[in-house]
Amino acid sequence: MEIALTILYLIISVGLIAAVLLQSGNQGGLSGAISGGSGQALWGKKKSKEELLGKITAYLAAIFMIFSIIIAIFHA
């Protein structure tokens, strides 16, 4: 059981690292702060790859934390 959890934990870790590294940084600087809403469409916000990667990162981070707690309980 512990071996299976550890293998899943490693897979989630690699997925989380990949999701973070695939995201591009916000290097808009002052021009990005001034033009703020230029990335939005007239009728709402555009869906993009960045939003999807953000959601994937959040879910993987939550799963990573849950697995960390579970593995800590098993090792105690």
PDB file of N, CA and C in Angstrom:
ATOM      1  N   MET A   1       0.817  -1.193   0.000  1.00  0.00           N
ATOM      2  CA  MET A   1       0.000   0.000   0.000  1.00  0.00           C
ATOM      3  C   MET A   1       0.865   1.262   0.000  1.00  0.00           C
ATOM      4  N   GLU A   2       1.917   1.237   0.863  1.00  0.00           N
ATOM      5  CA  GLU A   2       2.781   2.410   0.936  1.00  0.00           C
ATOM      6  C   GLU A   2       3.551   2.625  -0.362  1.00  0.00           C
ATOM      7  N   ILE A   3       3.922   1.539  -1.009  1.00  0.00           N
ATOM      8  CA  ILE A   3       4.665   1.663  -2.273  1.00  0.00           C
ATOM      9  C   ILE A   3       3.782   2.282  -3.348  1.00  0.00           C
ATOM     10  N   ALA A   4       2.523   1.871  -3.408  1.00  0.00           N
ATOM     11  CA  ALA A   4       1.596   2.429  -4.390  1.00  0.00           C
ATOM     12  C   ALA A   4       1.364   3.916  -4.125  1.00  0.00           C
ATOM     13  N   LEU A   5       1.208   4.300  -2.857  1.00  0.00           N
ATOM     14  CA  LEU A   5       1.027   5.715  -2.520  1.00  0.00           C
ATOM     15  C   LEU A   5       2.262   6.527  -2.876  1.00  0.00           C
ATOM     16  N   THR A   6       3.431   5.963  -2.630  1.00  0.00           N
ATOM     17  CA  THR A   6       4.668   6.672  -2.949  1.00  0.00           C
ATOM     18  C   THR A   6       4.826   6.860  -4.455  1.00  0.00           C
ATOM     19  N   ILE A   7       4.478   5.855  -5.229  1.00  0.00           N
ATOM     20  CA  ILE A   7       4.564   5.977  -6.685  1.00  0.00           C
ATOM     21  C   ILE A   7       3.583   7.027  -7.196  1.00  0.00           C
ATOM     22  N   LEU A   8       2.350   7.014  -6.681  1.00  0.00           N
ATOM     23  CA  LEU A   8       1.372   8.044  -7.071  1.00  0.00           C
ATOM     24  C   LEU A   8       1.842   9.435  -6.650  1.00  0.00           C
ATOM     25  N   TYR A   9       2.462   9.515  -5.480  1.00  0.00           N
ATOM     26  CA  TYR A   9       2.977  10.786  -4.975  1.00  0.00           C
ATOM     27  C   TYR A   9       4.058  11.337  -5.900  1.00  0.00           C
ATOM     28  N   LEU A  10       4.928  10.467  -6.377  1.00  0.00           N
ATOM     29  CA  LEU A  10       5.976  10.896  -7.307  1.00  0.00           C
ATOM     30  C   LEU A  10       5.395  11.343  -8.645  1.00  0.00           C
ATOM     31  N   ILE A  11       4.382  10.640  -9.125  1.00  0.00           N
ATOM     32  CA  ILE A  11       3.746  11.022 -10.394  1.00  0.00           C
ATOM     33  C   ILE A  11       3.072  12.385 -10.256  1.00  0.00           C
ATOM     34  N   ILE A  12       2.382  12.600  -9.141  1.00  0.00           N
ATOM     35  CA  ILE A  12       1.730  13.892  -8.903  1.00  0.00           C
ATOM     36  C   ILE A  12       2.778  14.995  -8.780  1.00  0.00           C
ATOM     37  N   SER A  13       3.890  14.698  -8.126  1.00  0.00           N
ATOM     38  CA  SER A  13       4.965  15.685  -7.973  1.00  0.00           C
ATOM     39  C   SER A  13       5.522  16.117  -9.327  1.00  0.00           C
ATOM     40  N   VAL A  14       5.791  15.148 -10.181  1.00  0.00           N
ATOM     41  CA  VAL A  14       6.318  15.467 -11.515  1.00  0.00           C
ATOM     42  C   VAL A  14       5.282  16.255 -12.323  1.00  0.00           C
ATOM     43  N   GLY A  15       4.013  15.880 -12.214  1.00  0.00           N
ATOM     44  CA  GLY A  15       2.953  16.617 -12.906  1.00  0.00           C
ATOM     45  C   GLY A  15       2.835  18.044 -12.425  1.00  0.00           C
ATOM     46  N   LEU A  16       2.962  18.247 -11.113  1.00  0.00           N
ATOM     47  CA  LEU A  16       2.894  19.600 -10.555  1.00  0.00           C
ATOM     48  C   LEU A  16       4.076  20.437 -11.015  1.00  0.00           C
ATOM     49  N   ILE A  17       5.257  19.858 -11.024  1.00  0.00           N
ATOM     50  CA  ILE A  17       6.441  20.572 -11.503  1.00  0.00           C
ATOM     51  C   ILE A  17       6.274  20.960 -12.972  1.00  0.00           C
ATOM     52  N   ALA A  18       5.786  20.033 -13.787  1.00  0.00           N
ATOM     53  CA  ALA A  18       5.586  20.322 -15.211  1.00  0.00           C
ATOM     54  C   ALA A  18       4.543  21.412 -15.422  1.00  0.00           C
ATOM     55  N   ALA A  19       3.454  21.365 -14.659  1.00  0.00           N
ATOM     56  CA  ALA A  19       2.402  22.372 -14.812  1.00  0.00           C
ATOM     57  C   ALA A  19       2.908  23.762 -14.443  1.00  0.00           C
ATOM     58  N   VAL A  20       3.737  23.850 -13.410  1.00  0.00           N
ATOM     59  CA  VAL A  20       4.285  25.147 -13.014  1.00  0.00           C
ATOM     60  C   VAL A  20       5.266  25.657 -14.058  1.00  0.00           C
ATOM     61  N   LEU A  21       6.109  24.774 -14.570  1.00  0.00           N
ATOM     62  CA  LEU A  21       7.114  25.208 -15.543  1.00  0.00           C
ATOM     63  C   LEU A  21       6.517  25.567 -16.898  1.00  0.00           C
ATOM     64  N   LEU A  22       5.355  25.001 -17.237  1.00  0.00           N
ATOM     65  CA  LEU A  22       4.728  25.320 -18.516  1.00  0.00           C
ATOM     66  C   LEU A  22       4.057  26.685 -18.528  1.00  0.00           C
ATOM     67  N   GLN A  23       3.806  27.240 -17.358  1.00  0.00           N
ATOM     68  CA  GLN A  23       3.155  28.550 -17.290  1.00  0.00           C
ATOM     69  C   GLN A  23       4.150  29.638 -17.636  1.00  0.00           C
ATOM     70  N   SER A  24       3.675  30.629 -18.354  1.00  0.00           N
ATOM     71  CA  SER A  24       4.553  31.760 -18.662  1.00  0.00           C
ATOM     72  C   SER A  24       4.411  32.794 -17.553  1.00  0.00           C
ATOM     73  N   GLY A  25       5.470  33.537 -17.331  1.00  0.00           N
ATOM     74  CA  GLY A  25       5.459  34.539 -16.273  1.00  0.00           C
ATOM     75  C   GLY A  25       4.708  35.785 -16.707  1.00  0.00           C
ATOM     76  N   ASN A  26       4.243  36.544 -15.732  1.00  0.00           N
ATOM     77  CA  ASN A  26       3.582  37.824 -16.013  1.00  0.00           C
ATOM     78  C   ASN A  26       4.643  38.908 -16.002  1.00  0.00           C
ATOM     79  N   GLN A  27       5.191  39.193 -17.159  1.00  0.00           N
ATOM     80  CA  GLN A  27       6.246  40.190 -17.254  1.00  0.00           C
ATOM     81  C   GLN A  27       5.748  41.432 -17.980  1.00  0.00           C
ATOM     82  N   GLY A  28       4.499  41.799 -17.703  1.00  0.00           N
ATOM     83  CA  GLY A  28       3.931  42.979 -18.329  1.00  0.00           C
ATOM     84  C   GLY A  28       4.510  44.259 -17.788  1.00  0.00           C
ATOM     85  N   GLY A  29       4.962  44.227 -16.534  1.00  0.00           N
ATOM     86  CA  GLY A  29       5.526  45.410 -15.919  1.00  0.00           C
ATOM     87  C   GLY A  29       4.504  46.530 -15.810  1.00  0.00           C
ATOM     88  N   LEU A  30       4.981  47.762 -15.921  1.00  0.00           N
ATOM     89  CA  LEU A  30       4.117  48.925 -15.782  1.00  0.00           C
ATOM     90  C   LEU A  30       3.146  49.043 -16.948  1.00  0.00           C
ATOM     91  N   SER A  31       3.570  48.673 -18.154  1.00  0.00           N
ATOM     92  CA  SER A  31       2.674  48.758 -19.306  1.00  0.00           C
ATOM     93  C   SER A  31       1.506  47.787 -19.158  1.00  0.00           C
ATOM     94  N   GLY A  32       1.738  46.625 -18.555  1.00  0.00           N
ATOM     95  CA  GLY A  32       0.654  45.682 -18.309  1.00  0.00           C
ATOM     96  C   GLY A  32      -0.307  46.187 -17.265  1.00  0.00           C
ATOM     97  N   ALA A  33       0.197  46.938 -16.295  1.00  0.00           N
ATOM     98  CA  ALA A  33      -0.671  47.481 -15.246  1.00  0.00           C
ATOM     99  C   ALA A  33      -1.532  48.617 -15.779  1.00  0.00           C
ATOM    100  N   ILE A  34      -1.000  49.383 -16.712  1.00  0.00           N
ATOM    101  CA  ILE A  34      -1.740  50.520 -17.252  1.00  0.00           C
ATOM    102  C   ILE A  34      -2.821  50.050 -18.219  1.00  0.00           C
ATOM    103  N   SER A  35      -2.473  49.110 -19.099  1.00  0.00           N
ATOM    104  CA  SER A  35      -3.437  48.657 -20.096  1.00  0.00           C
ATOM    105  C   SER A  35      -4.317  47.538 -19.567  1.00  0.00           C
ATOM    106  N   GLY A  36      -4.171  47.158 -18.338  1.00  0.00           N
ATOM    107  CA  GLY A  36      -4.881  46.125 -17.605  1.00  0.00           C
ATOM    108  C   GLY A  36      -5.900  45.280 -18.318  1.00  0.00           C
ATOM    109  N   GLY A  37      -6.932  45.844 -18.898  1.00  0.00           N
ATOM    110  CA  GLY A  37      -8.013  45.069 -19.469  1.00  0.00           C
ATOM    111  C   GLY A  37      -7.832  44.690 -20.921  1.00  0.00           C
ATOM    112  N   SER A  38      -6.647  44.852 -21.475  1.00  0.00           N
ATOM    113  CA  SER A  38      -6.468  44.565 -22.901  1.00  0.00           C
ATOM    114  C   SER A  38      -6.577  43.081 -23.212  1.00  0.00           C
ATOM    115  N   GLY A  39      -6.410  42.216 -22.225  1.00  0.00           N
ATOM    116  CA  GLY A  39      -6.495  40.787 -22.457  1.00  0.00           C
ATOM    117  C   GLY A  39      -7.912  40.249 -22.402  1.00  0.00           C
ATOM    118  N   GLN A  40      -8.881  41.123 -22.167  1.00  0.00           N
ATOM    119  CA  GLN A  40     -10.259  40.678 -22.049  1.00  0.00           C
ATOM    120  C   GLN A  40     -11.037  41.012 -23.308  1.00  0.00           C
ATOM    121  N   ALA A  41     -11.973  40.134 -23.617  1.00  0.00           N
ATOM    122  CA  ALA A  41     -12.844  40.372 -24.756  1.00  0.00           C
ATOM    123  C   ALA A  41     -13.959  41.336 -24.342  1.00  0.00           C
ATOM    124  N   LEU A  42     -14.732  41.779 -25.306  1.00  0.00           N
ATOM    125  CA  LEU A  42     -15.802  42.728 -25.016  1.00  0.00           C
ATOM    126  C   LEU A  42     -16.876  42.118 -24.133  1.00  0.00           C
ATOM    127  N   TRP A  43     -17.190  40.849 -24.333  1.00  0.00           N
ATOM    128  CA  TRP A  43     -18.274  40.202 -23.588  1.00  0.00           C
ATOM    129  C   TRP A  43     -17.765  39.252 -22.525  1.00  0.00           C
ATOM    130  N   GLY A  44     -16.620  39.488 -21.980  1.00  0.00           N
ATOM    131  CA  GLY A  44     -16.103  38.641 -20.918  1.00  0.00           C
ATOM    132  C   GLY A  44     -14.657  38.269 -21.155  1.00  0.00           C
ATOM    133  N   LYS A  45     -14.179  37.473 -20.284  1.00  0.00           N
ATOM    134  CA  LYS A  45     -12.780  37.086 -20.334  1.00  0.00           C
ATOM    135  C   LYS A  45     -12.575  35.929 -21.309  1.00  0.00           C
ATOM    136  N   LYS A  46     -11.492  36.001 -22.076  1.00  0.00           N
ATOM    137  CA  LYS A  46     -11.186  34.927 -23.018  1.00  0.00           C
ATOM    138  C   LYS A  46     -10.585  33.737 -22.271  1.00  0.00           C
ATOM    139  N   LYS A  47     -10.977  32.547 -22.685  1.00  0.00           N
ATOM    140  CA  LYS A  47     -10.388  31.334 -22.125  1.00  0.00           C
ATOM    141  C   LYS A  47      -9.066  31.080 -22.839  1.00  0.00           C
ATOM    142  N   SER A  48      -8.099  30.692 -22.091  1.00  0.00           N
ATOM    143  CA  SER A  48      -6.803  30.470 -22.719  1.00  0.00           C
ATOM    144  C   SER A  48      -6.105  29.277 -22.083  1.00  0.00           C
ATOM    145  N   LYS A  49      -4.965  28.961 -22.659  1.00  0.00           N
ATOM    146  CA  LYS A  49      -4.149  27.872 -22.153  1.00  0.00           C
ATOM    147  C   LYS A  49      -3.647  28.192 -20.746  1.00  0.00           C
ATOM    148  N   GLU A  50      -3.404  29.463 -20.478  1.00  0.00           N
ATOM    149  CA  GLU A  50      -2.904  29.871 -19.170  1.00  0.00           C
ATOM    150  C   GLU A  50      -3.925  29.594 -18.074  1.00  0.00           C
ATOM    151  N   GLU A  51      -5.200  29.828 -18.355  1.00  0.00           N
ATOM    152  CA  GLU A  51      -6.232  29.550 -17.358  1.00  0.00           C
ATOM    153  C   GLU A  51      -6.330  28.057 -17.088  1.00  0.00           C
ATOM    154  N   LEU A  52      -6.241  27.258 -18.138  1.00  0.00           N
ATOM    155  CA  LEU A  52      -6.290  25.809 -17.978  1.00  0.00           C
ATOM    156  C   LEU A  52      -5.105  25.316 -17.150  1.00  0.00           C
ATOM    157  N   LEU A  53      -3.909  25.821 -17.451  1.00  0.00           N
ATOM    158  CA  LEU A  53      -2.731  25.431 -16.679  1.00  0.00           C
ATOM    159  C   LEU A  53      -2.841  25.884 -15.228  1.00  0.00           C
ATOM    160  N   GLY A  54      -3.461  27.023 -15.002  1.00  0.00           N
ATOM    161  CA  GLY A  54      -3.664  27.503 -13.637  1.00  0.00           C
ATOM    162  C   GLY A  54      -4.575  26.585 -12.846  1.00  0.00           C
ATOM    163  N   LYS A  55      -5.653  26.128 -13.483  1.00  0.00           N
ATOM    164  CA  LYS A  55      -6.571  25.206 -12.816  1.00  0.00           C
ATOM    165  C   LYS A  55      -5.911  23.861 -12.558  1.00  0.00           C
ATOM    166  N   ILE A  56      -5.173  23.368 -13.542  1.00  0.00           N
ATOM    167  CA  ILE A  56      -4.473  22.092 -13.380  1.00  0.00           C
ATOM    168  C   ILE A  56      -3.465  22.194 -12.238  1.00  0.00           C
ATOM    169  N   THR A  57      -2.745  23.307 -12.157  1.00  0.00           N
ATOM    170  CA  THR A  57      -1.770  23.512 -11.089  1.00  0.00           C
ATOM    171  C   THR A  57      -2.454  23.531  -9.733  1.00  0.00           C
ATOM    172  N   ALA A  58      -3.584  24.202  -9.636  1.00  0.00           N
ATOM    173  CA  ALA A  58      -4.301  24.274  -8.360  1.00  0.00           C
ATOM    174  C   ALA A  58      -4.794  22.896  -7.920  1.00  0.00           C
ATOM    175  N   TYR A  59      -5.354  22.128  -8.845  1.00  0.00           N
ATOM    176  CA  TYR A  59      -5.835  20.786  -8.504  1.00  0.00           C
ATOM    177  C   TYR A  59      -4.680  19.863  -8.113  1.00  0.00           C
ATOM    178  N   LEU A  60      -3.592  19.914  -8.872  1.00  0.00           N
ATOM    179  CA  LEU A  60      -2.441  19.070  -8.546  1.00  0.00           C
ATOM    180  C   LEU A  60      -1.830  19.465  -7.205  1.00  0.00           C
ATOM    181  N   ALA A  61      -1.807  20.756  -6.896  1.00  0.00           N
ATOM    182  CA  ALA A  61      -1.281  21.194  -5.606  1.00  0.00           C
ATOM    183  C   ALA A  61      -2.148  20.688  -4.458  1.00  0.00           C
ATOM    184  N   ALA A  62      -3.461  20.734  -4.631  1.00  0.00           N
ATOM    185  CA  ALA A  62      -4.360  20.230  -3.593  1.00  0.00           C
ATOM    186  C   ALA A  62      -4.186  18.724  -3.397  1.00  0.00           C
ATOM    187  N   ILE A  63      -4.096  17.986  -4.501  1.00  0.00           N
ATOM    188  CA  ILE A  63      -3.891  16.535  -4.413  1.00  0.00           C
ATOM    189  C   ILE A  63      -2.537  16.236  -3.782  1.00  0.00           C
ATOM    190  N   PHE A  64      -1.526  17.028  -4.111  1.00  0.00           N
ATOM    191  CA  PHE A  64      -0.192  16.859  -3.538  1.00  0.00           C
ATOM    192  C   PHE A  64      -0.229  17.028  -2.022  1.00  0.00           C
ATOM    193  N   MET A  65      -0.937  18.037  -1.547  1.00  0.00           N
ATOM    194  CA  MET A  65      -1.038  18.267  -0.103  1.00  0.00           C
ATOM    195  C   MET A  65      -1.782  17.131   0.601  1.00  0.00           C
ATOM    196  N   ILE A  66      -2.860  16.662  -0.020  1.00  0.00           N
ATOM    197  CA  ILE A  66      -3.622  15.558   0.565  1.00  0.00           C
ATOM    198  C   ILE A  66      -2.763  14.299   0.650  1.00  0.00           C
ATOM    199  N   PHE A  67      -2.035  13.998  -0.426  1.00  0.00           N
ATOM    200  CA  PHE A  67      -1.158  12.830  -0.416  1.00  0.00           C
ATOM    201  C   PHE A  67      -0.046  12.986   0.611  1.00  0.00           C
ATOM    202  N   SER A  68       0.459  14.210   0.799  1.00  0.00           N
ATOM    203  CA  SER A  68       1.496  14.439   1.797  1.00  0.00           C
ATOM    204  C   SER A  68       0.978  14.101   3.186  1.00  0.00           C
ATOM    205  N   ILE A  69      -0.236  14.518   3.493  1.00  0.00           N
ATOM    206  CA  ILE A  69      -0.831  14.226   4.800  1.00  0.00           C
ATOM    207  C   ILE A  69      -1.052  12.723   4.959  1.00  0.00           C
ATOM    208  N   ILE A  70      -1.577  12.080   3.927  1.00  0.00           N
ATOM    209  CA  ILE A  70      -1.837  10.634   3.998  1.00  0.00           C
ATOM    210  C   ILE A  70      -0.549   9.856   4.204  1.00  0.00           C
ATOM    211  N   ILE A  71       0.490  10.206   3.480  1.00  0.00           N
ATOM    212  CA  ILE A  71       1.769   9.492   3.615  1.00  0.00           C
ATOM    213  C   ILE A  71       2.376   9.758   4.997  1.00  0.00           C
ATOM    214  N   ALA A  72       2.230  10.964   5.519  1.00  0.00           N
ATOM    215  CA  ALA A  72       2.737  11.263   6.855  1.00  0.00           C
ATOM    216  C   ALA A  72       2.003  10.456   7.919  1.00  0.00           C
ATOM    217  N   ILE A  73       0.711  10.252   7.733  1.00  0.00           N
ATOM    218  CA  ILE A  73      -0.062   9.446   8.683  1.00  0.00           C
ATOM    219  C   ILE A  73       0.384   7.988   8.637  1.00  0.00           C
ATOM    220  N   PHE A  74       0.630   7.463   7.432  1.00  0.00           N
ATOM    221  CA  PHE A  74       1.075   6.075   7.312  1.00  0.00           C
ATOM    222  C   PHE A  74       2.455   5.844   7.899  1.00  0.00           C
ATOM    223  N   HIS A  75       3.321   6.843   7.829  1.00  0.00           N
ATOM    224  CA  HIS A  75       4.681   6.688   8.350  1.00  0.00           C
ATOM    225  C   HIS A  75       4.773   6.949   9.847  1.00  0.00           C
ATOM    226  N   ALA A  76       3.718   7.442  10.447  1.00  0.00           N
ATOM    227  CA  ALA A  76       3.751   7.757  11.890  1.00  0.00           C
ATOM    228  C   ALA A  76       3.571   6.532  12.750  1.00  0.00           C
TER     229      ALA A  76
END
